[in-house]
Amino acid sequence: MKKLFQNTAFNIGLWSSLTLFVALNFLSYVSAIYEYNIRQTQETIFPASSYMFGFPFPIYVVSIGNPNAEHLHWESIVVNTLITVICSFVVGLIFKSAWSKIKNSPLA
């Protein structure tokens, strides 16, 4: 296992996938705040009732007008973390496998 984490191709795949998931969660947050602000300015057309963000599952929900509706979805946080770690590990293994095939091909 230690050797796997010392492989450069595996690390590139792992860290690029982790970065992608973090970026998608941040993008989800930014778009939720943007949508909320747009809805507040056009309240008669689109009431600003709630917003939520998270990728792939929503991890935080805010409902305006209901003080008990603002909460974290802990089960979504756990599932999102597991999905992120597993997908990143698999992408790292794919990068490692692809790099070893490219490195050992007769054209290289």
N, C-alpha and C. Protein backbone atom coordinates (compact mmCIF):
# COMPACT_ATOMS: atom_id res chain seq x y z
N MET A 1 0.83 -1.19 0.00
CA MET A 1 0.00 0.00 0.00
C MET A 1 0.88 1.26 0.00
N LYS A 2 1.98 1.20 0.74
CA LYS A 2 2.88 2.35 0.81
C LYS A 2 3.47 2.65 -0.57
N LYS A 3 3.77 1.57 -1.31
CA LYS A 3 4.32 1.72 -2.65
C LYS A 3 3.33 2.38 -3.60
N LEU A 4 2.06 2.07 -3.40
CA LEU A 4 1.02 2.64 -4.25
C LEU A 4 0.97 4.15 -4.11
N PHE A 5 1.06 4.64 -2.89
CA PHE A 5 1.00 6.08 -2.66
C PHE A 5 2.29 6.80 -3.06
N GLN A 6 3.36 6.05 -3.33
CA GLN A 6 4.61 6.65 -3.80
C GLN A 6 4.66 6.72 -5.32
N ASN A 7 3.67 6.12 -5.99
CA ASN A 7 3.60 6.14 -7.44
C ASN A 7 3.09 7.50 -7.92
N THR A 8 3.84 8.15 -8.79
CA THR A 8 3.51 9.49 -9.26
C THR A 8 2.20 9.52 -10.05
N ALA A 9 1.99 8.56 -10.94
CA ALA A 9 0.76 8.53 -11.74
C ALA A 9 -0.45 8.33 -10.84
N PHE A 10 -0.34 7.47 -9.85
CA PHE A 10 -1.45 7.26 -8.91
C PHE A 10 -1.76 8.55 -8.15
N ASN A 11 -0.73 9.23 -7.69
CA ASN A 11 -0.92 10.49 -6.96
C ASN A 11 -1.55 11.57 -7.83
N ILE A 12 -1.15 11.63 -9.10
CA ILE A 12 -1.75 12.60 -10.00
C ILE A 12 -3.24 12.33 -10.16
N GLY A 13 -3.61 11.08 -10.37
CA GLY A 13 -5.03 10.71 -10.50
C GLY A 13 -5.81 10.95 -9.22
N LEU A 14 -5.23 10.57 -8.08
CA LEU A 14 -5.89 10.74 -6.80
C LEU A 14 -6.14 12.21 -6.50
N TRP A 15 -5.10 13.03 -6.60
CA TRP A 15 -5.23 14.44 -6.23
C TRP A 15 -6.05 15.24 -7.24
N SER A 16 -5.98 14.87 -8.50
CA SER A 16 -6.80 15.57 -9.49
C SER A 16 -8.28 15.26 -9.27
N SER A 17 -8.60 14.04 -8.91
CA SER A 17 -9.99 13.67 -8.63
C SER A 17 -10.48 14.34 -7.35
N LEU A 18 -9.66 14.36 -6.32
CA LEU A 18 -10.05 15.05 -5.08
C LEU A 18 -10.28 16.53 -5.33
N THR A 19 -9.40 17.13 -6.13
CA THR A 19 -9.55 18.55 -6.46
C THR A 19 -10.83 18.79 -7.25
N LEU A 20 -11.14 17.88 -8.15
CA LEU A 20 -12.38 18.00 -8.93
C LEU A 20 -13.61 17.97 -8.03
N PHE A 21 -13.66 17.06 -7.07
CA PHE A 21 -14.80 16.98 -6.16
C PHE A 21 -14.91 18.23 -5.28
N VAL A 22 -13.79 18.72 -4.81
CA VAL A 22 -13.81 19.96 -4.01
C VAL A 22 -14.30 21.12 -4.86
N ALA A 23 -13.81 21.21 -6.10
CA ALA A 23 -14.23 22.29 -6.99
C ALA A 23 -15.72 22.19 -7.31
N LEU A 24 -16.23 20.99 -7.52
CA LEU A 24 -17.66 20.83 -7.81
C LEU A 24 -18.53 21.20 -6.60
N ASN A 25 -18.07 20.89 -5.40
CA ASN A 25 -18.80 21.30 -4.20
C ASN A 25 -18.78 22.82 -4.05
N PHE A 26 -17.63 23.43 -4.32
CA PHE A 26 -17.54 24.89 -4.24
C PHE A 26 -18.42 25.54 -5.30
N LEU A 27 -18.43 24.99 -6.52
CA LEU A 27 -19.28 25.50 -7.58
C LEU A 27 -20.75 25.36 -7.21
N SER A 28 -21.11 24.27 -6.58
CA SER A 28 -22.49 24.08 -6.11
C SER A 28 -22.86 25.13 -5.08
N TYR A 29 -21.94 25.44 -4.18
CA TYR A 29 -22.18 26.47 -3.17
C TYR A 29 -22.35 27.84 -3.81
N VAL A 30 -21.46 28.19 -4.72
CA VAL A 30 -21.51 29.50 -5.36
C VAL A 30 -22.80 29.65 -6.17
N SER A 31 -23.19 28.61 -6.90
CA SER A 31 -24.41 28.70 -7.70
C SER A 31 -25.65 28.78 -6.81
N ALA A 32 -25.64 28.11 -5.65
CA ALA A 32 -26.77 28.18 -4.73
C ALA A 32 -26.91 29.58 -4.15
N ILE A 33 -25.80 30.19 -3.77
CA ILE A 33 -25.84 31.56 -3.24
C ILE A 33 -26.27 32.53 -4.33
N TYR A 34 -25.76 32.35 -5.55
CA TYR A 34 -26.13 33.22 -6.66
C TYR A 34 -27.63 33.11 -6.94
N GLU A 35 -28.14 31.89 -6.99
CA GLU A 35 -29.57 31.68 -7.23
C GLU A 35 -30.40 32.30 -6.11
N TYR A 36 -29.95 32.14 -4.89
CA TYR A 36 -30.67 32.72 -3.76
C TYR A 36 -30.72 34.25 -3.87
N ASN A 37 -29.59 34.87 -4.21
CA ASN A 37 -29.55 36.32 -4.35
C ASN A 37 -30.43 36.80 -5.50
N ILE A 38 -30.44 36.08 -6.60
CA ILE A 38 -31.31 36.44 -7.72
C ILE A 38 -32.77 36.34 -7.30
N ARG A 39 -33.10 35.28 -6.59
CA ARG A 39 -34.49 35.11 -6.15
C ARG A 39 -34.91 36.20 -5.16
N GLN A 40 -33.99 36.67 -4.35
CA GLN A 40 -34.32 37.74 -3.41
C GLN A 40 -34.63 39.04 -4.13
N THR A 41 -33.89 39.33 -5.20
CA THR A 41 -34.13 40.58 -5.92
C THR A 41 -35.40 40.52 -6.76
N GLN A 42 -35.80 39.32 -7.17
CA GLN A 42 -37.01 39.16 -7.96
C GLN A 42 -38.04 38.36 -7.18
N GLU A 43 -38.31 38.78 -5.97
CA GLU A 43 -39.12 38.01 -5.04
C GLU A 43 -40.54 37.75 -5.54
N THR A 44 -41.09 38.64 -6.32
CA THR A 44 -42.46 38.43 -6.79
C THR A 44 -42.53 37.32 -7.82
N ILE A 45 -41.46 37.14 -8.60
CA ILE A 45 -41.47 36.10 -9.63
C ILE A 45 -41.00 34.76 -9.05
N PHE A 46 -39.86 34.77 -8.38
CA PHE A 46 -39.29 33.57 -7.80
C PHE A 46 -39.10 33.79 -6.31
N PRO A 47 -39.97 33.30 -5.47
CA PRO A 47 -39.79 33.54 -4.03
C PRO A 47 -38.50 32.90 -3.52
N ALA A 48 -37.78 33.65 -2.69
CA ALA A 48 -36.52 33.16 -2.11
C ALA A 48 -36.84 32.30 -0.91
N SER A 49 -37.24 31.09 -1.16
CA SER A 49 -37.69 30.23 -0.06
C SER A 49 -36.57 29.37 0.51
N SER A 50 -35.69 28.87 -0.33
CA SER A 50 -34.65 27.98 0.19
C SER A 50 -33.51 27.86 -0.82
N TYR A 51 -32.39 27.35 -0.33
CA TYR A 51 -31.30 26.95 -1.20
C TYR A 51 -30.57 25.80 -0.55
N MET A 52 -29.91 25.01 -1.38
CA MET A 52 -29.11 23.89 -0.88
C MET A 52 -27.93 23.69 -1.80
N PHE A 53 -26.88 23.11 -1.25
CA PHE A 53 -25.69 22.85 -2.06
C PHE A 53 -25.01 21.59 -1.60
N GLY A 54 -24.16 21.08 -2.47
CA GLY A 54 -23.38 19.88 -2.21
C GLY A 54 -23.30 19.04 -3.46
N PHE A 55 -22.23 18.32 -3.64
CA PHE A 55 -22.07 17.42 -4.77
C PHE A 55 -21.49 16.11 -4.29
N PRO A 56 -22.03 14.98 -4.65
CA PRO A 56 -23.17 14.71 -5.51
C PRO A 56 -24.52 14.81 -4.79
N PHE A 57 -24.54 14.82 -3.48
CA PHE A 57 -25.80 14.95 -2.74
C PHE A 57 -25.79 16.26 -1.94
N PRO A 58 -26.95 16.89 -1.78
CA PRO A 58 -26.98 18.14 -1.01
C PRO A 58 -26.58 17.92 0.45
N ILE A 59 -25.65 18.75 0.94
CA ILE A 59 -25.17 18.57 2.31
C ILE A 59 -25.66 19.65 3.24
N TYR A 60 -26.19 20.75 2.68
CA TYR A 60 -26.65 21.84 3.53
C TYR A 60 -27.88 22.46 2.91
N VAL A 61 -28.92 22.61 3.72
CA VAL A 61 -30.18 23.17 3.23
C VAL A 61 -30.57 24.32 4.15
N VAL A 62 -30.97 25.43 3.53
CA VAL A 62 -31.47 26.59 4.27
C VAL A 62 -32.85 26.90 3.71
N SER A 63 -33.84 26.93 4.57
CA SER A 63 -35.18 27.33 4.17
C SER A 63 -35.52 28.63 4.87
N ILE A 64 -35.81 29.64 4.10
CA ILE A 64 -36.13 30.95 4.65
C ILE A 64 -37.57 30.92 5.17
N GLY A 65 -37.78 31.48 6.34
CA GLY A 65 -39.11 31.52 6.92
C GLY A 65 -39.38 30.38 7.88
N ASN A 66 -38.56 29.36 7.87
CA ASN A 66 -38.71 28.23 8.78
C ASN A 66 -37.40 28.07 9.54
N PRO A 67 -37.31 28.56 10.78
CA PRO A 67 -36.03 28.52 11.49
C PRO A 67 -35.52 27.13 11.80
N ASN A 68 -36.37 26.13 11.77
CA ASN A 68 -35.94 24.76 12.06
C ASN A 68 -35.45 24.03 10.81
N ALA A 69 -35.55 24.66 9.65
CA ALA A 69 -35.20 23.97 8.41
C ALA A 69 -33.74 24.15 8.01
N GLU A 70 -32.98 24.96 8.72
CA GLU A 70 -31.57 25.15 8.39
C GLU A 70 -30.76 24.06 9.07
N HIS A 71 -30.20 23.17 8.27
CA HIS A 71 -29.46 22.06 8.88
C HIS A 71 -28.51 21.41 7.88
N LEU A 72 -27.56 20.72 8.45
CA LEU A 72 -26.63 19.89 7.69
C LEU A 72 -27.24 18.50 7.54
N HIS A 73 -26.99 17.89 6.42
CA HIS A 73 -27.37 16.50 6.22
C HIS A 73 -26.12 15.65 6.48
N TRP A 74 -25.99 15.16 7.70
CA TRP A 74 -24.77 14.43 8.07
C TRP A 74 -24.61 13.16 7.26
N GLU A 75 -25.72 12.49 6.95
CA GLU A 75 -25.60 11.27 6.15
C GLU A 75 -25.09 11.59 4.75
N SER A 76 -25.48 12.73 4.20
CA SER A 76 -24.97 13.14 2.89
C SER A 76 -23.48 13.47 2.95
N ILE A 77 -23.05 14.08 4.05
CA ILE A 77 -21.63 14.39 4.20
C ILE A 77 -20.81 13.10 4.22
N VAL A 78 -21.29 12.10 4.95
CA VAL A 78 -20.58 10.82 5.03
C VAL A 78 -20.57 10.14 3.66
N VAL A 79 -21.71 10.10 2.99
CA VAL A 79 -21.79 9.46 1.68
C VAL A 79 -20.95 10.21 0.66
N ASN A 80 -21.01 11.54 0.65
CA ASN A 80 -20.19 12.33 -0.27
C ASN A 80 -18.70 12.09 -0.04
N THR A 81 -18.30 12.01 1.22
CA THR A 81 -16.90 11.75 1.54
C THR A 81 -16.48 10.36 1.05
N LEU A 82 -17.32 9.36 1.30
CA LEU A 82 -17.00 8.00 0.83
C LEU A 82 -16.91 7.94 -0.69
N ILE A 83 -17.86 8.57 -1.37
CA ILE A 83 -17.85 8.59 -2.84
C ILE A 83 -16.59 9.28 -3.34
N THR A 84 -16.23 10.39 -2.72
CA THR A 84 -15.04 11.13 -3.14
C THR A 84 -13.78 10.30 -2.96
N VAL A 85 -13.63 9.68 -1.80
CA VAL A 85 -12.42 8.88 -1.52
C VAL A 85 -12.35 7.67 -2.45
N ILE A 86 -13.46 6.96 -2.61
CA ILE A 86 -13.46 5.75 -3.46
C ILE A 86 -13.20 6.12 -4.91
N CYS A 87 -13.90 7.15 -5.42
CA CYS A 87 -13.69 7.56 -6.81
C CYS A 87 -12.27 8.04 -7.04
N SER A 88 -11.72 8.79 -6.10
CA SER A 88 -10.35 9.29 -6.24
C SER A 88 -9.35 8.13 -6.24
N PHE A 89 -9.58 7.14 -5.39
CA PHE A 89 -8.71 5.97 -5.35
C PHE A 89 -8.78 5.21 -6.67
N VAL A 90 -9.99 5.04 -7.20
CA VAL A 90 -10.16 4.32 -8.48
C VAL A 90 -9.51 5.11 -9.62
N VAL A 91 -9.71 6.41 -9.65
CA VAL A 91 -9.07 7.23 -10.69
C VAL A 91 -7.56 7.13 -10.58
N GLY A 92 -7.04 7.13 -9.37
CA GLY A 92 -5.60 6.95 -9.18
C GLY A 92 -5.11 5.62 -9.72
N LEU A 93 -5.87 4.57 -9.47
CA LEU A 93 -5.50 3.25 -10.00
C LEU A 93 -5.57 3.22 -11.53
N ILE A 94 -6.56 3.89 -12.10
CA ILE A 94 -6.67 3.96 -13.56
C ILE A 94 -5.49 4.72 -14.14
N PHE A 95 -5.11 5.84 -13.53
CA PHE A 95 -3.94 6.59 -13.99
C PHE A 95 -2.68 5.73 -13.90
N LYS A 96 -2.53 5.00 -12.80
CA LYS A 96 -1.35 4.16 -12.62
C LYS A 96 -1.31 3.06 -13.68
N SER A 97 -2.44 2.43 -13.92
CA SER A 97 -2.51 1.37 -14.91
C SER A 97 -2.23 1.90 -16.31
N ALA A 98 -2.86 3.02 -16.65
CA ALA A 98 -2.65 3.61 -17.97
C ALA A 98 -1.20 4.03 -18.16
N TRP A 99 -0.61 4.62 -17.13
CA TRP A 99 0.79 5.07 -17.23
C TRP A 99 1.73 3.88 -17.41
N SER A 100 1.47 2.78 -16.70
CA SER A 100 2.34 1.62 -16.83
C SER A 100 2.21 1.00 -18.23
N LYS A 101 1.00 1.03 -18.81
CA LYS A 101 0.83 0.49 -20.17
C LYS A 101 1.50 1.40 -21.20
N ILE A 102 1.39 2.71 -21.01
CA ILE A 102 2.04 3.64 -21.93
C ILE A 102 3.56 3.52 -21.83
N LYS A 103 4.04 3.40 -20.59
CA LYS A 103 5.48 3.33 -20.35
C LYS A 103 6.08 2.04 -20.94
N ASN A 104 5.32 0.95 -20.90
CA ASN A 104 5.82 -0.34 -21.35
C ASN A 104 5.45 -0.65 -22.80
N SER A 105 4.80 0.27 -23.50
CA SER A 105 4.41 0.00 -24.88
C SER A 105 5.64 0.07 -25.78
N PRO A 106 5.61 -0.65 -26.90
CA PRO A 106 6.78 -0.64 -27.79
C PRO A 106 7.01 0.69 -28.49
N LEU A 107 6.01 1.56 -28.54
CA LEU A 107 6.18 2.86 -29.19
C LEU A 107 6.88 3.88 -28.30
N ALA A 108 6.93 3.62 -27.00
CA ALA A 108 7.52 4.60 -26.07
C ALA A 108 9.01 4.58 -26.09
